[in-house]
């Protein structure tokens, strides 16, 4: 497993470098604020940094930090449920808008996947959706898909 992790880390490091290289061609800032190069640049930096972390942990002999405890059918079912919830949220995006579909997805993930109470799930879903709306729509001015309620 160690060799596979190192090779995966090297591959991801290469991907990170490629993304950074391509992002540097784009404008970091534009006349309206952040430019098209902002997100890919930081995405490339994060991928590169995490890939080096993966390689470092494996080569320094601390594999317990990354040990896979073995897959179970319950874990596979939860992963598929997460994927299914994401697909439903994407399908509902145009009908309900980003804020509502994101809140529903977050509610599902917290309630079902994290097994938290409905009250906690609702609070996280509303807080997360409101946070996304405030950051992207109100502060950055990025138009999010709107539902029939105007948000």
C-alpha atoms as a PDB file:
ATOM      1  CA  UNK A   1       0.000   0.000   0.000  1.00  0.00           C
ATOM      2  CA  UNK A   2       2.900   2.355   0.684  1.00  0.00           C
ATOM      3  CA  UNK A   3       4.144   2.239  -2.915  1.00  0.00           C
ATOM      4  CA  UNK A   4       0.637   2.877  -4.209  1.00  0.00           C
ATOM      5  CA  UNK A   5       0.219   5.892  -1.950  1.00  0.00           C
ATOM      6  CA  UNK A   6       3.567   7.325  -3.021  1.00  0.00           C
ATOM      7  CA  UNK A   7       2.694   6.873  -6.705  1.00  0.00           C
ATOM      8  CA  UNK A   8      -0.735   8.394  -6.138  1.00  0.00           C
ATOM      9  CA  UNK A   9       0.896  11.296  -4.291  1.00  0.00           C
ATOM     10  CA  UNK A  10       3.361  11.862  -7.127  1.00  0.00           C
ATOM     11  CA  UNK A  11       0.556  11.762  -9.676  1.00  0.00           C
ATOM     12  CA  UNK A  12      -1.494  14.254  -7.666  1.00  0.00           C
ATOM     13  CA  UNK A  13       1.568  16.463  -7.186  1.00  0.00           C
ATOM     14  CA  UNK A  14       1.957  16.521 -10.961  1.00  0.00           C
ATOM     15  CA  UNK A  15      -1.722  17.384 -11.336  1.00  0.00           C
ATOM     16  CA  UNK A  16      -1.355  20.174  -8.781  1.00  0.00           C
ATOM     17  CA  UNK A  17       1.648  21.600 -10.628  1.00  0.00           C
ATOM     18  CA  UNK A  18      -0.244  21.443 -13.924  1.00  0.00           C
ATOM     19  CA  UNK A  19      -3.272  23.228 -12.425  1.00  0.00           C
ATOM     20  CA  UNK A  20      -1.036  25.916 -10.902  1.00  0.00           C
ATOM     21  CA  UNK A  21       0.771  26.376 -14.215  1.00  0.00           C
ATOM     22  CA  UNK A  22      -2.502  26.763 -16.120  1.00  0.00           C
ATOM     23  CA  UNK A  23      -3.974  29.088 -13.475  1.00  0.00           C
ATOM     24  CA  UNK A  24      -0.992  31.433 -13.662  1.00  0.00           C
ATOM     25  CA  UNK A  25      -1.931  32.182 -17.276  1.00  0.00           C
ATOM     26  CA  UNK A  26      -5.336  33.467 -16.114  1.00  0.00           C
ATOM     27  CA  UNK A  27      -5.945  36.778 -14.379  1.00  0.00           C
ATOM     28  CA  UNK A  28      -5.906  36.528 -10.580  1.00  0.00           C
ATOM     29  CA  UNK A  29      -7.870  39.778 -10.282  1.00  0.00           C
ATOM     30  CA  UNK A  30     -10.238  41.407 -12.744  1.00  0.00           C
ATOM     31  CA  UNK A  31     -11.854  44.817 -12.820  1.00  0.00           C
ATOM     32  CA  UNK A  32     -14.815  43.347 -10.915  1.00  0.00           C
ATOM     33  CA  UNK A  33     -12.875  41.531  -8.208  1.00  0.00           C
ATOM     34  CA  UNK A  34     -11.382  38.060  -8.157  1.00  0.00           C
ATOM     35  CA  UNK A  35     -10.506  36.798 -11.593  1.00  0.00           C
ATOM     36  CA  UNK A  36     -10.781  33.412 -13.294  1.00  0.00           C
ATOM     37  CA  UNK A  37      -7.339  32.367 -12.056  1.00  0.00           C
ATOM     38  CA  UNK A  38      -8.130  32.686  -8.340  1.00  0.00           C
ATOM     39  CA  UNK A  39      -9.907  29.365  -7.716  1.00  0.00           C
ATOM     40  CA  UNK A  40      -7.732  27.129  -9.915  1.00  0.00           C
ATOM     41  CA  UNK A  41      -4.550  28.570  -8.453  1.00  0.00           C
ATOM     42  CA  UNK A  42      -5.582  27.831  -4.871  1.00  0.00           C
ATOM     43  CA  UNK A  43      -7.034  24.460  -5.863  1.00  0.00           C
ATOM     44  CA  UNK A  44      -3.692  23.529  -7.424  1.00  0.00           C
ATOM     45  CA  UNK A  45      -1.822  24.694  -4.331  1.00  0.00           C
ATOM     46  CA  UNK A  46      -4.068  22.629  -2.043  1.00  0.00           C
ATOM     47  CA  UNK A  47      -3.769  19.502  -4.238  1.00  0.00           C
ATOM     48  CA  UNK A  48       0.011  19.870  -4.418  1.00  0.00           C
ATOM     49  CA  UNK A  49       0.361  20.442  -0.657  1.00  0.00           C
ATOM     50  CA  UNK A  50      -1.863  17.509   0.295  1.00  0.00           C
ATOM     51  CA  UNK A  51      -0.071  15.209  -2.154  1.00  0.00           C
ATOM     52  CA  UNK A  52       3.266  16.101  -0.571  1.00  0.00           C
ATOM     53  CA  UNK A  53       1.708  15.429   2.836  1.00  0.00           C
ATOM     54  CA  UNK A  54       0.580  11.984   1.670  1.00  0.00           C
ATOM     55  CA  UNK A  55       4.034  11.183   0.309  1.00  0.00           C
ATOM     56  CA  UNK A  56       5.739  12.489   3.448  1.00  0.00           C
ATOM     57  CA  UNK A  57       3.569  10.470   5.825  1.00  0.00           C
ATOM     58  CA  UNK A  58       4.172   7.278   3.852  1.00  0.00           C
ATOM     59  CA  UNK A  59       7.906   7.781   3.462  1.00  0.00           C
ATOM     60  CA  UNK A  60       8.492   8.841   7.067  1.00  0.00           C
ATOM     61  CA  UNK A  61       6.985   5.589   8.313  1.00  0.00           C
ATOM     62  CA  UNK A  62       3.788   6.877   9.897  1.00  0.00           C
ATOM     63  CA  UNK A  63       1.286   4.810   7.908  1.00  0.00           C
ATOM     64  CA  UNK A  64      -1.104   4.502  10.890  1.00  0.00           C
ATOM     65  CA  UNK A  65      -2.240   8.054  10.143  1.00  0.00           C
ATOM     66  CA  UNK A  66      -3.616   6.872   6.802  1.00  0.00           C
ATOM     67  CA  UNK A  67      -4.601   3.295   7.568  1.00  0.00           C
ATOM     68  CA  UNK A  68      -7.796   2.068   6.004  1.00  0.00           C
ATOM     69  CA  UNK A  69      -9.747   0.142   8.594  1.00  0.00           C
ATOM     70  CA  UNK A  70     -11.308  -1.978   5.887  1.00  0.00           C
ATOM     71  CA  UNK A  71     -14.415  -1.373   3.879  1.00  0.00           C
ATOM     72  CA  UNK A  72     -17.774  -2.603   4.999  1.00  0.00           C
ATOM     73  CA  UNK A  73     -21.031  -2.918   3.163  1.00  0.00           C
ATOM     74  CA  UNK A  74     -22.471  -0.254   5.479  1.00  0.00           C
ATOM     75  CA  UNK A  75     -19.646   2.109   4.526  1.00  0.00           C
ATOM     76  CA  UNK A  76     -20.212   1.408   0.858  1.00  0.00           C
ATOM     77  CA  UNK A  77     -23.927   2.031   1.286  1.00  0.00           C
ATOM     78  CA  UNK A  78     -23.268   5.338   3.016  1.00  0.00           C
ATOM     79  CA  UNK A  79     -20.887   6.390   0.247  1.00  0.00           C
ATOM     80  CA  UNK A  80     -23.475   5.517  -2.393  1.00  0.00           C
ATOM     81  CA  UNK A  81     -26.173   7.361  -0.434  1.00  0.00           C
ATOM     82  CA  UNK A  82     -23.938  10.431  -0.339  1.00  0.00           C
ATOM     83  CA  UNK A  83     -23.368  10.211  -4.071  1.00  0.00           C
ATOM     84  CA  UNK A  84     -27.089   9.714  -4.661  1.00  0.00           C
ATOM     85  CA  UNK A  85     -27.940  12.702  -2.465  1.00  0.00           C
ATOM     86  CA  UNK A  86     -25.506  14.843  -4.433  1.00  0.00           C
ATOM     87  CA  UNK A  87     -27.087  13.744  -7.720  1.00  0.00           C
ATOM     88  CA  UNK A  88     -30.576  14.581  -6.410  1.00  0.00           C
ATOM     89  CA  UNK A  89     -29.354  17.996  -5.200  1.00  0.00           C
ATOM     90  CA  UNK A  90     -27.896  18.691  -8.644  1.00  0.00           C
ATOM     91  CA  UNK A  91     -31.152  17.632 -10.292  1.00  0.00           C
ATOM     92  CA  UNK A  92     -33.143  19.943  -7.976  1.00  0.00           C
ATOM     93  CA  UNK A  93     -30.782  22.861  -8.511  1.00  0.00           C
ATOM     94  CA  UNK A  94     -32.687  24.454 -11.379  1.00  0.00           C
ATOM     95  CA  UNK A  95     -36.112  23.861  -9.795  1.00  0.00           C
ATOM     96  CA  UNK A  96     -35.360  24.882  -6.202  1.00  0.00           C
ATOM     97  CA  UNK A  97     -32.261  27.065  -6.562  1.00  0.00           C
ATOM     98  CA  UNK A  98     -28.832  26.658  -5.054  1.00  0.00           C
ATOM     99  CA  UNK A  99     -29.627  27.727  -1.508  1.00  0.00           C
ATOM    100  CA  UNK A 100     -32.538  25.306  -1.000  1.00  0.00           C
ATOM    101  CA  UNK A 101     -30.927  22.347  -2.786  1.00  0.00           C
ATOM    102  CA  UNK A 102     -27.667  22.878  -0.865  1.00  0.00           C
ATOM    103  CA  UNK A 103     -29.577  23.087   2.421  1.00  0.00           C
ATOM    104  CA  UNK A 104     -31.413  19.833   1.637  1.00  0.00           C
ATOM    105  CA  UNK A 105     -28.176  18.071   0.708  1.00  0.00           C
ATOM    106  CA  UNK A 106     -26.472  19.310   3.875  1.00  0.00           C
ATOM    107  CA  UNK A 107     -29.455  18.244   5.983  1.00  0.00           C
ATOM    108  CA  UNK A 108     -29.287  14.728   4.444  1.00  0.00           C
ATOM    109  CA  UNK A 109     -25.549  14.421   4.976  1.00  0.00           C
ATOM    110  CA  UNK A 110     -25.627  15.559   8.585  1.00  0.00           C
ATOM    111  CA  UNK A 111     -28.774  13.623   9.539  1.00  0.00           C
ATOM    112  CA  UNK A 112     -28.139  10.343   7.727  1.00  0.00           C
ATOM    113  CA  UNK A 113     -24.401  10.161   7.198  1.00  0.00           C
ATOM    114  CA  UNK A 114     -23.226  11.799  10.430  1.00  0.00           C
ATOM    115  CA  UNK A 115     -26.213  10.504  12.425  1.00  0.00           C
ATOM    116  CA  UNK A 116     -26.932  13.797  14.174  1.00  0.00           C
ATOM    117  CA  UNK A 117     -30.281  15.006  15.520  1.00  0.00           C
ATOM    118  CA  UNK A 118     -32.819  16.688  13.229  1.00  0.00           C
ATOM    119  CA  UNK A 119     -32.329  19.950  15.124  1.00  0.00           C
ATOM    120  CA  UNK A 120     -28.547  19.866  14.634  1.00  0.00           C
ATOM    121  CA  UNK A 121     -28.992  18.851  10.998  1.00  0.00           C
ATOM    122  CA  UNK A 122     -31.387  21.727  10.385  1.00  0.00           C
ATOM    123  CA  UNK A 123     -29.074  24.234  12.059  1.00  0.00           C
ATOM    124  CA  UNK A 124     -26.067  23.099  10.030  1.00  0.00           C
ATOM    125  CA  UNK A 125     -28.082  23.062   6.782  1.00  0.00           C
ATOM    126  CA  UNK A 126     -29.544  26.541   7.293  1.00  0.00           C
ATOM    127  CA  UNK A 127     -26.239  27.970   8.525  1.00  0.00           C
ATOM    128  CA  UNK A 128     -24.276  26.464   5.653  1.00  0.00           C
ATOM    129  CA  UNK A 129     -26.747  27.589   3.000  1.00  0.00           C
ATOM    130  CA  UNK A 130     -26.908  31.074   4.488  1.00  0.00           C
ATOM    131  CA  UNK A 131     -23.108  31.210   4.660  1.00  0.00           C
ATOM    132  CA  UNK A 132     -22.754  30.244   1.002  1.00  0.00           C
ATOM    133  CA  UNK A 133     -25.398  32.784   0.008  1.00  0.00           C
ATOM    134  CA  UNK A 134     -23.746  35.589   1.984  1.00  0.00           C
ATOM    135  CA  UNK A 135     -20.222  34.872   0.773  1.00  0.00           C
ATOM    136  CA  UNK A 136     -20.961  34.246  -2.890  1.00  0.00           C
ATOM    137  CA  UNK A 137     -24.050  36.335  -3.629  1.00  0.00           C
ATOM    138  CA  UNK A 138     -23.840  39.197  -1.160  1.00  0.00           C
ATOM    139  CA  UNK A 139     -20.075  39.689  -0.787  1.00  0.00           C
ATOM    140  CA  UNK A 140     -18.548  38.401  -4.034  1.00  0.00           C
ATOM    141  CA  UNK A 141     -21.555  39.137  -6.256  1.00  0.00           C
ATOM    142  CA  UNK A 142     -21.524  35.697  -7.861  1.00  0.00           C
ATOM    143  CA  UNK A 143     -24.989  34.866  -9.180  1.00  0.00           C
ATOM    144  CA  UNK A 144     -26.229  31.549  -7.796  1.00  0.00           C
ATOM    145  CA  UNK A 145     -29.081  29.623  -9.443  1.00  0.00           C
ATOM    146  CA  UNK A 146     -32.320  30.941  -7.983  1.00  0.00           C
ATOM    147  CA  UNK A 147     -35.441  29.009  -7.215  1.00  0.00           C
ATOM    148  CA  UNK A 148     -39.053  30.122  -7.360  1.00  0.00           C
ATOM    149  CA  UNK A 149     -38.626  32.019  -4.075  1.00  0.00           C
ATOM    150  CA  UNK A 150     -35.956  34.336  -5.438  1.00  0.00           C
ATOM    151  CA  UNK A 151     -32.999  32.860  -3.549  1.00  0.00           C
END
